[in-house]
Structures are given as C-alpha cells and as structure tokens.
Amino acid sequence: MTTFRIDPSVADAFPGTLIAVVTASGLRGDEPWPATATALQDLEQRLADATWQPADENDPRIEAWHTAYRSFGTNPRRTRPSVDALGRRLAKKGALPRINAAVDSYNAVSVRHGLPAGAFDLDHVTGDVEIRYADGSETFTPLGEPDAVENPRPGEVIYADTTDVLTRHWNHRDAHRTRVTPGSTHVAFILETVHATRDGHLLKTAAEELQDLLAPHAARTTVHYLSPDTAA
C-alpha cells in the first residue's frame, strides 16, 4: 500500500497544507462515464452563459499557489499551477480537454472548485510518495515526453517516489511514468490547498464530488486527508 507524506521541512514552510487523496481500485476507465461528461458540459455551458467563470490569478485560491510557487523560486506566471493553467485554457477556448474519463473527472472537479488536482497510476509508483524539496539530483520525465529527462532545481517542491520525480513545481506537471490511462485500474487522485483554514471545507466538498464521479466505475473508492501532521 502506497503511503503519501509531507516532508517536515515542507510542512514547516506550508503549515496550511491539506491534501485529499482519493484512491480508486478496480477502476474501469474504458466504459462510458456519463456523469463526468455531464459535469464537463455543465461547466462549459455555464461559462458560455456568463453565469460562472474559472478562478484566475486574482482569486485567493490561485493567489495562494502563486505565493507558494514564488517562495520556492518558481515564477507562477511562467510556470503555472495546474488549476491556473487549466482555468486559463477553459476561459480562452470555451472547452476543457477530453483526455480520458478518469482524467476528465479530476479536471472537471479541479476547475469547478479552483483547486489543483492530479493523479498517479499506483501500479507504476515505487514505494511511498513524499512531497519534499528537490536536492537537484532527481530526474523527471514529463507527461507526453517519454524520451525527455529534466532535473528539478534544488529547492523546488516535488512529489517523488523511490524511483524519480512524479510532479514538478508541486503541481505544475505530472510525470509520464505514472500517467493515468484508460487501462489504469488502481489510481490515487490528488486535490490540494495550501490554505486549509479558508479552503478546507471546499477541498472536502471537491473530494466527495470526485469520489461520486469515480465510484460507479470502480470496485472501491476511499478518501484520506494528508496534512503536515498526518500521512495518507
């Protein structure tokens, strides 16, 4: 069983961190997911009707991540938090990308609630997963670029297992090795905030919403919460 934890130095720097780990086993990604399709269409229609818009960098939820990025030396306007980039894409194009049902589910929840989200195929994760500062020796192969190798800058916040880096810049981009495909059957989905006192309730609502999208297409789903004081 994969355990997620926050390194003490990251926990000290970001004491308001709260992360929902929504795990699905026996996932059936190759069947129709009508509720996910409806969730995407609903967001796009509300945007078109001007009754809703995605959170932008002036929103406190996104602003908190920009502040976090700057604190570990990343320019958030050049290298954007995932939810910021996704919301900007939706606002510009009027539609969210369709990747596969599982990825589309967390994208819909992410942009709806203004919270970064990601996922790891646990069958391709080695050992436990830790959110920690990079030391500069690590390697990262970006999603969609299986032949590329990057080295995170020392001090950059990363997700890492015992093999290499799973995400760069905390939640900017996922790794190719642990990408979620229609054939993935055991997946950990992540939703994050660095301001739990303000956004903790929103995070829990988002986690429940994601679990509701996943549950009809999985043998089992669970939700655990990771904080500076607890592992998940």
C-alpha atoms as a PDB file:
ATOM      1  CA  MET A   1       0.000   0.000   0.000  1.00  0.00           C
ATOM      2  CA  THR A   2       1.397   3.382  -1.035  1.00  0.00           C
ATOM      3  CA  THR A   3       1.683   5.975   1.728  1.00  0.00           C
ATOM      4  CA  PHE A   4       1.717   9.702   0.991  1.00  0.00           C
ATOM      5  CA  ARG A   5       3.558  12.044   3.335  1.00  0.00           C
ATOM      6  CA  ILE A   6       4.809  15.618   3.557  1.00  0.00           C
ATOM      7  CA  ASP A   7       8.469  16.160   4.405  1.00  0.00           C
ATOM      8  CA  PRO A   8       8.821  18.106   7.689  1.00  0.00           C
ATOM      9  CA  SER A   9      10.652  20.981   6.010  1.00  0.00           C
ATOM     10  CA  VAL A  10       7.817  21.455   3.516  1.00  0.00           C
ATOM     11  CA  ALA A  11       5.264  21.083   6.315  1.00  0.00           C
ATOM     12  CA  ASP A  12       7.013  23.821   8.302  1.00  0.00           C
ATOM     13  CA  ALA A  13       7.077  26.148   5.281  1.00  0.00           C
ATOM     14  CA  PHE A  14       3.424  25.475   4.334  1.00  0.00           C
ATOM     15  CA  PRO A  15       1.569  24.699   7.587  1.00  0.00           C
ATOM     16  CA  GLY A  16      -1.821  25.299   5.947  1.00  0.00           C
ATOM     17  CA  THR A  17      -1.413  22.426   3.512  1.00  0.00           C
ATOM     18  CA  LEU A  18      -4.287  19.975   3.225  1.00  0.00           C
ATOM     19  CA  ILE A  19      -4.378  17.308   0.517  1.00  0.00           C
ATOM     20  CA  ALA A  20      -7.193  14.909  -0.302  1.00  0.00           C
ATOM     21  CA  VAL A  21      -6.026  11.526  -1.611  1.00  0.00           C
ATOM     22  CA  VAL A  22      -8.946   9.834  -3.362  1.00  0.00           C
ATOM     23  CA  THR A  23      -7.993   6.259  -4.204  1.00  0.00           C
ATOM     24  CA  ALA A  24      -9.890   4.097  -6.670  1.00  0.00           C
ATOM     25  CA  SER A  25      -9.236   0.391  -7.176  1.00  0.00           C
ATOM     26  CA  GLY A  26     -10.779  -1.842  -9.803  1.00  0.00           C
ATOM     27  CA  LEU A  27     -11.210   1.235 -11.981  1.00  0.00           C
ATOM     28  CA  ARG A  28     -12.939   0.695 -15.338  1.00  0.00           C
ATOM     29  CA  GLY A  29     -11.731   3.547 -17.490  1.00  0.00           C
ATOM     30  CA  ASP A  30     -12.829   2.124 -20.825  1.00  0.00           C
ATOM     31  CA  GLU A  31     -16.592   2.252 -20.185  1.00  0.00           C
ATOM     32  CA  PRO A  32     -18.890   5.297 -20.612  1.00  0.00           C
ATOM     33  CA  TRP A  33     -18.802   7.804 -17.724  1.00  0.00           C
ATOM     34  CA  PRO A  34     -21.995   9.822 -18.318  1.00  0.00           C
ATOM     35  CA  ALA A  35     -21.803  11.843 -15.090  1.00  0.00           C
ATOM     36  CA  THR A  36     -18.314  13.055 -15.979  1.00  0.00           C
ATOM     37  CA  ALA A  37     -19.434  14.005 -19.488  1.00  0.00           C
ATOM     38  CA  THR A  38     -22.325  15.959 -17.972  1.00  0.00           C
ATOM     39  CA  ALA A  39     -20.038  17.718 -15.467  1.00  0.00           C
ATOM     40  CA  LEU A  40     -17.766  18.928 -18.259  1.00  0.00           C
ATOM     41  CA  GLN A  41     -20.650  20.071 -20.433  1.00  0.00           C
ATOM     42  CA  ASP A  42     -22.255  21.882 -17.498  1.00  0.00           C
ATOM     43  CA  LEU A  43     -19.130  23.913 -16.792  1.00  0.00           C
ATOM     44  CA  GLU A  44     -18.708  24.813 -20.432  1.00  0.00           C
ATOM     45  CA  GLN A  45     -22.355  25.848 -20.755  1.00  0.00           C
ATOM     46  CA  ARG A  46     -22.207  27.989 -17.611  1.00  0.00           C
ATOM     47  CA  LEU A  47     -19.097  29.682 -18.980  1.00  0.00           C
ATOM     48  CA  ALA A  48     -20.837  30.319 -22.308  1.00  0.00           C
ATOM     49  CA  ASP A  49     -23.883  31.717 -20.463  1.00  0.00           C
ATOM     50  CA  ALA A  50     -21.621  34.011 -18.386  1.00  0.00           C
ATOM     51  CA  THR A  51     -23.052  32.603 -15.147  1.00  0.00           C
ATOM     52  CA  TRP A  52     -19.696  31.229 -13.977  1.00  0.00           C
ATOM     53  CA  GLN A  53     -16.027  31.637 -14.757  1.00  0.00           C
ATOM     54  CA  PRO A  54     -12.934  29.736 -13.625  1.00  0.00           C
ATOM     55  CA  ALA A  55     -10.791  31.163 -10.843  1.00  0.00           C
ATOM     56  CA  ASP A  56      -7.960  33.331 -12.143  1.00  0.00           C
ATOM     57  CA  GLU A  57      -4.783  34.644 -10.545  1.00  0.00           C
ATOM     58  CA  ASN A  58      -6.734  37.355  -8.713  1.00  0.00           C
ATOM     59  CA  ASP A  59      -8.773  34.730  -6.885  1.00  0.00           C
ATOM     60  CA  PRO A  60      -7.459  33.979  -3.354  1.00  0.00           C
ATOM     61  CA  ARG A  61      -7.309  30.237  -4.140  1.00  0.00           C
ATOM     62  CA  ILE A  62      -4.970  30.794  -7.092  1.00  0.00           C
ATOM     63  CA  GLU A  63      -3.138  33.669  -5.451  1.00  0.00           C
ATOM     64  CA  ALA A  64      -2.153  31.379  -2.559  1.00  0.00           C
ATOM     65  CA  TRP A  65      -0.486  28.994  -5.004  1.00  0.00           C
ATOM     66  CA  HIS A  66       1.306  31.846  -6.786  1.00  0.00           C
ATOM     67  CA  THR A  67       2.703  32.914  -3.411  1.00  0.00           C
ATOM     68  CA  ALA A  68       3.782  29.339  -2.665  1.00  0.00           C
ATOM     69  CA  TYR A  69       5.485  28.996  -6.052  1.00  0.00           C
ATOM     70  CA  ARG A  70       7.412  32.236  -5.590  1.00  0.00           C
ATOM     71  CA  SER A  71       8.571  31.084  -2.167  1.00  0.00           C
ATOM     72  CA  PHE A  72      10.449  28.140  -3.706  1.00  0.00           C
ATOM     73  CA  GLY A  73      11.778  30.137  -6.635  1.00  0.00           C
ATOM     74  CA  THR A  74       9.268  29.371  -9.400  1.00  0.00           C
ATOM     75  CA  ASN A  75       7.695  32.179 -11.411  1.00  0.00           C
ATOM     76  CA  PRO A  76       3.967  31.238 -11.375  1.00  0.00           C
ATOM     77  CA  ARG A  77       3.168  33.323 -14.426  1.00  0.00           C
ATOM     78  CA  ARG A  78       5.723  31.431 -16.480  1.00  0.00           C
ATOM     79  CA  THR A  79       5.242  28.021 -14.844  1.00  0.00           C
ATOM     80  CA  ARG A  80       1.639  27.997 -13.687  1.00  0.00           C
ATOM     81  CA  PRO A  81      -0.057  25.841 -11.053  1.00  0.00           C
ATOM     82  CA  SER A  82      -2.146  23.200 -12.825  1.00  0.00           C
ATOM     83  CA  VAL A  83      -5.532  24.659 -11.897  1.00  0.00           C
ATOM     84  CA  ASP A  84      -4.446  28.114 -13.051  1.00  0.00           C
ATOM     85  CA  ALA A  85      -3.311  26.792 -16.427  1.00  0.00           C
ATOM     86  CA  LEU A  86      -6.457  24.684 -16.832  1.00  0.00           C
ATOM     87  CA  GLY A  87      -8.766  27.573 -15.952  1.00  0.00           C
ATOM     88  CA  ARG A  88      -6.988  29.889 -18.383  1.00  0.00           C
ATOM     89  CA  ARG A  89      -7.318  27.302 -21.134  1.00  0.00           C
ATOM     90  CA  LEU A  90     -11.033  26.903 -20.446  1.00  0.00           C
ATOM     91  CA  ALA A  91     -11.616  30.665 -20.396  1.00  0.00           C
ATOM     92  CA  LYS A  92      -9.771  31.071 -23.707  1.00  0.00           C
ATOM     93  CA  LYS A  93     -11.124  28.086 -25.642  1.00  0.00           C
ATOM     94  CA  GLY A  94     -14.519  27.669 -24.019  1.00  0.00           C
ATOM     95  CA  ALA A  95     -13.941  23.937 -23.513  1.00  0.00           C
ATOM     96  CA  LEU A  96     -11.904  21.595 -21.373  1.00  0.00           C
ATOM     97  CA  PRO A  97      -9.675  18.965 -22.994  1.00  0.00           C
ATOM     98  CA  ARG A  98     -11.024  15.420 -23.208  1.00  0.00           C
ATOM     99  CA  ILE A  99      -8.183  13.075 -22.216  1.00  0.00           C
ATOM    100  CA  ASN A 100      -9.866  10.005 -20.756  1.00  0.00           C
ATOM    101  CA  ALA A 101     -12.728   9.550 -18.316  1.00  0.00           C
ATOM    102  CA  ALA A 102     -10.636   9.410 -15.145  1.00  0.00           C
ATOM    103  CA  VAL A 103      -8.509  12.436 -16.049  1.00  0.00           C
ATOM    104  CA  ASP A 104     -11.551  14.337 -17.274  1.00  0.00           C
ATOM    105  CA  SER A 105     -13.194  13.706 -13.890  1.00  0.00           C
ATOM    106  CA  TYR A 106     -10.476  15.332 -11.842  1.00  0.00           C
ATOM    107  CA  ASN A 107     -10.084  18.158 -14.355  1.00  0.00           C
ATOM    108  CA  ALA A 108     -13.783  18.988 -14.011  1.00  0.00           C
ATOM    109  CA  VAL A 109     -13.614  18.975 -10.211  1.00  0.00           C
ATOM    110  CA  SER A 110     -10.357  20.946 -10.195  1.00  0.00           C
ATOM    111  CA  VAL A 111     -11.559  23.814 -12.344  1.00  0.00           C
ATOM    112  CA  ARG A 112     -15.023  23.862 -10.765  1.00  0.00           C
ATOM    113  CA  HIS A 113     -13.586  24.369  -7.276  1.00  0.00           C
ATOM    114  CA  GLY A 114     -10.384  26.253  -8.117  1.00  0.00           C
ATOM    115  CA  LEU A 115      -8.132  23.608  -6.572  1.00  0.00           C
ATOM    116  CA  PRO A 116      -5.098  21.898  -8.137  1.00  0.00           C
ATOM    117  CA  ALA A 117      -5.650  18.228  -8.949  1.00  0.00           C
ATOM    118  CA  GLY A 118      -3.627  15.360 -10.356  1.00  0.00           C
ATOM    119  CA  ALA A 119      -3.429  11.588 -10.331  1.00  0.00           C
ATOM    120  CA  PHE A 120      -0.930   8.737 -10.228  1.00  0.00           C
ATOM    121  CA  ASP A 121      -1.320   5.204 -11.573  1.00  0.00           C
ATOM    122  CA  LEU A 122      -0.307   3.362  -8.411  1.00  0.00           C
ATOM    123  CA  ASP A 123       0.728   0.264 -10.364  1.00  0.00           C
ATOM    124  CA  HIS A 124       3.635   2.370 -11.661  1.00  0.00           C
ATOM    125  CA  VAL A 125       4.554   4.051  -8.366  1.00  0.00           C
ATOM    126  CA  THR A 126       7.522   2.581  -6.492  1.00  0.00           C
ATOM    127  CA  GLY A 127       7.494   2.716  -2.709  1.00  0.00           C
ATOM    128  CA  ASP A 128       5.903   5.612  -0.877  1.00  0.00           C
ATOM    129  CA  VAL A 129       5.281   9.122  -2.184  1.00  0.00           C
ATOM    130  CA  GLU A 130       6.725  12.178  -0.469  1.00  0.00           C
ATOM    131  CA  ILE A 131       6.188  15.890  -1.031  1.00  0.00           C
ATOM    132  CA  ARG A 132       9.618  17.373  -0.446  1.00  0.00           C
ATOM    133  CA  TYR A 133      12.202  19.818  -1.643  1.00  0.00           C
ATOM    134  CA  ALA A 134      14.347  18.660  -4.562  1.00  0.00           C
ATOM    135  CA  ASP A 135      18.077  18.421  -3.953  1.00  0.00           C
ATOM    136  CA  GLY A 136      18.965  18.731  -7.646  1.00  0.00           C
ATOM    137  CA  SER A 137      19.976  15.111  -8.206  1.00  0.00           C
ATOM    138  CA  GLU A 138      16.499  13.885  -9.144  1.00  0.00           C
ATOM    139  CA  THR A 139      15.230  13.103 -12.636  1.00  0.00           C
ATOM    140  CA  PHE A 140      11.827  13.834 -14.166  1.00  0.00           C
ATOM    141  CA  THR A 141      10.284  12.671 -17.423  1.00  0.00           C
ATOM    142  CA  PRO A 142       7.389  14.982 -18.344  1.00  0.00           C
ATOM    143  CA  LEU A 143       3.963  13.693 -19.292  1.00  0.00           C
ATOM    144  CA  GLY A 144       3.819  13.147 -23.042  1.00  0.00           C
ATOM    145  CA  GLU A 145       7.600  13.304 -23.450  1.00  0.00           C
ATOM    146  CA  PRO A 146       8.823   9.778 -22.657  1.00  0.00           C
ATOM    147  CA  ASP A 147      12.309  10.416 -24.047  1.00  0.00           C
ATOM    148  CA  ALA A 148      12.917  13.687 -22.180  1.00  0.00           C
ATOM    149  CA  VAL A 149      14.749  13.949 -18.871  1.00  0.00           C
ATOM    150  CA  GLU A 150      14.730  17.041 -16.659  1.00  0.00           C
ATOM    151  CA  ASN A 151      16.420  17.800 -13.354  1.00  0.00           C
ATOM    152  CA  PRO A 152      14.330  19.811 -10.898  1.00  0.00           C
ATOM    153  CA  ARG A 153      16.145  22.783  -9.437  1.00  0.00           C
ATOM    154  CA  PRO A 154      17.332  22.427  -5.826  1.00  0.00           C
ATOM    155  CA  GLY A 155      14.668  23.786  -3.504  1.00  0.00           C
ATOM    156  CA  GLU A 156      11.763  23.158  -5.876  1.00  0.00           C
ATOM    157  CA  VAL A 157       8.833  21.365  -4.238  1.00  0.00           C
ATOM    158  CA  ILE A 158       8.212  17.984  -5.860  1.00  0.00           C
ATOM    159  CA  TYR A 159       6.254  14.776  -5.438  1.00  0.00           C
ATOM    160  CA  ALA A 160       8.709  11.870  -5.572  1.00  0.00           C
ATOM    161  CA  ASP A 161       8.713   8.112  -5.083  1.00  0.00           C
ATOM    162  CA  THR A 162      11.749   5.868  -4.735  1.00  0.00           C
ATOM    163  CA  THR A 163      12.468   5.962  -8.486  1.00  0.00           C
ATOM    164  CA  ASP A 164      12.221   9.616  -9.511  1.00  0.00           C
ATOM    165  CA  VAL A 165      10.008  12.701  -9.592  1.00  0.00           C
ATOM    166  CA  LEU A 166       6.234  12.396 -10.074  1.00  0.00           C
ATOM    167  CA  THR A 167       5.399  16.107 -10.335  1.00  0.00           C
ATOM    168  CA  ARG A 168       7.485  19.254 -10.773  1.00  0.00           C
ATOM    169  CA  HIS A 169       6.830  22.614  -9.123  1.00  0.00           C
ATOM    170  CA  TRP A 170       4.491  20.880  -6.632  1.00  0.00           C
ATOM    171  CA  ASN A 171       1.589  20.539  -9.067  1.00  0.00           C
ATOM    172  CA  HIS A 172       2.618  22.125 -12.362  1.00  0.00           C
ATOM    173  CA  ARG A 173       3.178  18.959 -14.418  1.00  0.00           C
ATOM    174  CA  ASP A 174       2.925  15.199 -13.907  1.00  0.00           C
ATOM    175  CA  ALA A 175       5.384  12.511 -14.918  1.00  0.00           C
ATOM    176  CA  HIS A 176       4.940  10.233 -17.919  1.00  0.00           C
ATOM    177  CA  ARG A 177       5.621   7.009 -15.972  1.00  0.00           C
ATOM    178  CA  THR A 178       2.654   7.342 -13.607  1.00  0.00           C
ATOM    179  CA  ARG A 179       0.184   8.881 -16.081  1.00  0.00           C
ATOM    180  CA  VAL A 180      -3.415   7.715 -15.895  1.00  0.00           C
ATOM    181  CA  THR A 181      -4.684   5.910 -19.000  1.00  0.00           C
ATOM    182  CA  PRO A 182      -7.981   4.158 -19.833  1.00  0.00           C
ATOM    183  CA  GLY A 183      -6.277   0.940 -18.738  1.00  0.00           C
ATOM    184  CA  SER A 184      -5.278   2.205 -15.278  1.00  0.00           C
ATOM    185  CA  THR A 185      -7.080   0.220 -12.579  1.00  0.00           C
ATOM    186  CA  HIS A 186      -5.512   1.459  -9.319  1.00  0.00           C
ATOM    187  CA  VAL A 187      -5.226   5.235  -9.137  1.00  0.00           C
ATOM    188  CA  ALA A 188      -4.629   7.879  -6.473  1.00  0.00           C
ATOM    189  CA  PHE A 189      -6.256  11.224  -7.267  1.00  0.00           C
ATOM    190  CA  ILE A 190      -4.946  14.331  -5.518  1.00  0.00           C
ATOM    191  CA  LEU A 191      -6.696  17.602  -4.621  1.00  0.00           C
ATOM    192  CA  GLU A 192      -4.714  20.308  -2.813  1.00  0.00           C
ATOM    193  CA  THR A 193      -4.828  23.565  -0.883  1.00  0.00           C
ATOM    194  CA  VAL A 194      -2.160  25.485   0.992  1.00  0.00           C
ATOM    195  CA  HIS A 195      -4.811  27.453   2.907  1.00  0.00           C
ATOM    196  CA  ALA A 196      -6.774  24.852   4.852  1.00  0.00           C
ATOM    197  CA  THR A 197      -8.305  27.321   7.306  1.00  0.00           C
ATOM    198  CA  ARG A 198     -10.084  29.063   4.441  1.00  0.00           C
ATOM    199  CA  ASP A 199     -10.445  26.303   1.828  1.00  0.00           C
ATOM    200  CA  GLY A 200     -10.502  23.077   3.842  1.00  0.00           C
ATOM    201  CA  HIS A 201     -14.289  22.723   3.587  1.00  0.00           C
ATOM    202  CA  LEU A 202     -14.136  23.392  -0.144  1.00  0.00           C
ATOM    203  CA  LEU A 203     -11.448  20.732  -0.525  1.00  0.00           C
ATOM    204  CA  LYS A 204     -13.572  18.156   1.260  1.00  0.00           C
ATOM    205  CA  THR A 205     -16.583  19.025  -0.902  1.00  0.00           C
ATOM    206  CA  ALA A 206     -14.439  18.636  -4.023  1.00  0.00           C
ATOM    207  CA  ALA A 207     -13.077  15.280  -2.816  1.00  0.00           C
ATOM    208  CA  GLU A 208     -16.597  13.979  -2.231  1.00  0.00           C
ATOM    209  CA  GLU A 209     -17.643  15.189  -5.679  1.00  0.00           C
ATOM    210  CA  LEU A 210     -14.695  13.421  -7.292  1.00  0.00           C
ATOM    211  CA  GLN A 211     -15.403  10.249  -5.355  1.00  0.00           C
ATOM    212  CA  ASP A 212     -19.015  10.377  -6.583  1.00  0.00           C
ATOM    213  CA  LEU A 213     -17.779  10.539 -10.203  1.00  0.00           C
ATOM    214  CA  LEU A 214     -15.361   7.641  -9.677  1.00  0.00           C
ATOM    215  CA  ALA A 215     -17.459   5.278  -7.557  1.00  0.00           C
ATOM    216  CA  PRO A 216     -19.797   3.968 -10.295  1.00  0.00           C
ATOM    217  CA  HIS A 217     -16.735   2.878 -12.275  1.00  0.00           C
ATOM    218  CA  ALA A 218     -14.602   1.345  -9.509  1.00  0.00           C
ATOM    219  CA  ALA A 219     -14.725  -1.662  -7.240  1.00  0.00           C
ATOM    220  CA  ARG A 220     -13.747   0.523  -4.263  1.00  0.00           C
ATOM    221  CA  THR A 221     -13.003   4.174  -3.515  1.00  0.00           C
ATOM    222  CA  THR A 222     -11.580   5.778  -0.368  1.00  0.00           C
ATOM    223  CA  VAL A 223     -10.697   9.304   0.706  1.00  0.00           C
ATOM    224  CA  HIS A 224      -7.838  10.153   3.074  1.00  0.00           C
ATOM    225  CA  TYR A 225      -6.523  13.550   4.075  1.00  0.00           C
ATOM    226  CA  LEU A 226      -2.847  14.441   4.204  1.00  0.00           C
ATOM    227  CA  SER A 227      -1.691  17.350   6.350  1.00  0.00           C
ATOM    228  CA  PRO A 228       1.569  18.438   7.960  1.00  0.00           C
ATOM    229  CA  ASP A 229       0.644  16.244  10.951  1.00  0.00           C
ATOM    230  CA  THR A 230      -0.675  13.158   9.193  1.00  0.00           C
ATOM    231  CA  ALA A 231       0.219  10.759   6.369  1.00  0.00           C
ATOM    232  CA  ALA A 232      -2.339   9.271   3.989  1.00  0.00           C
END
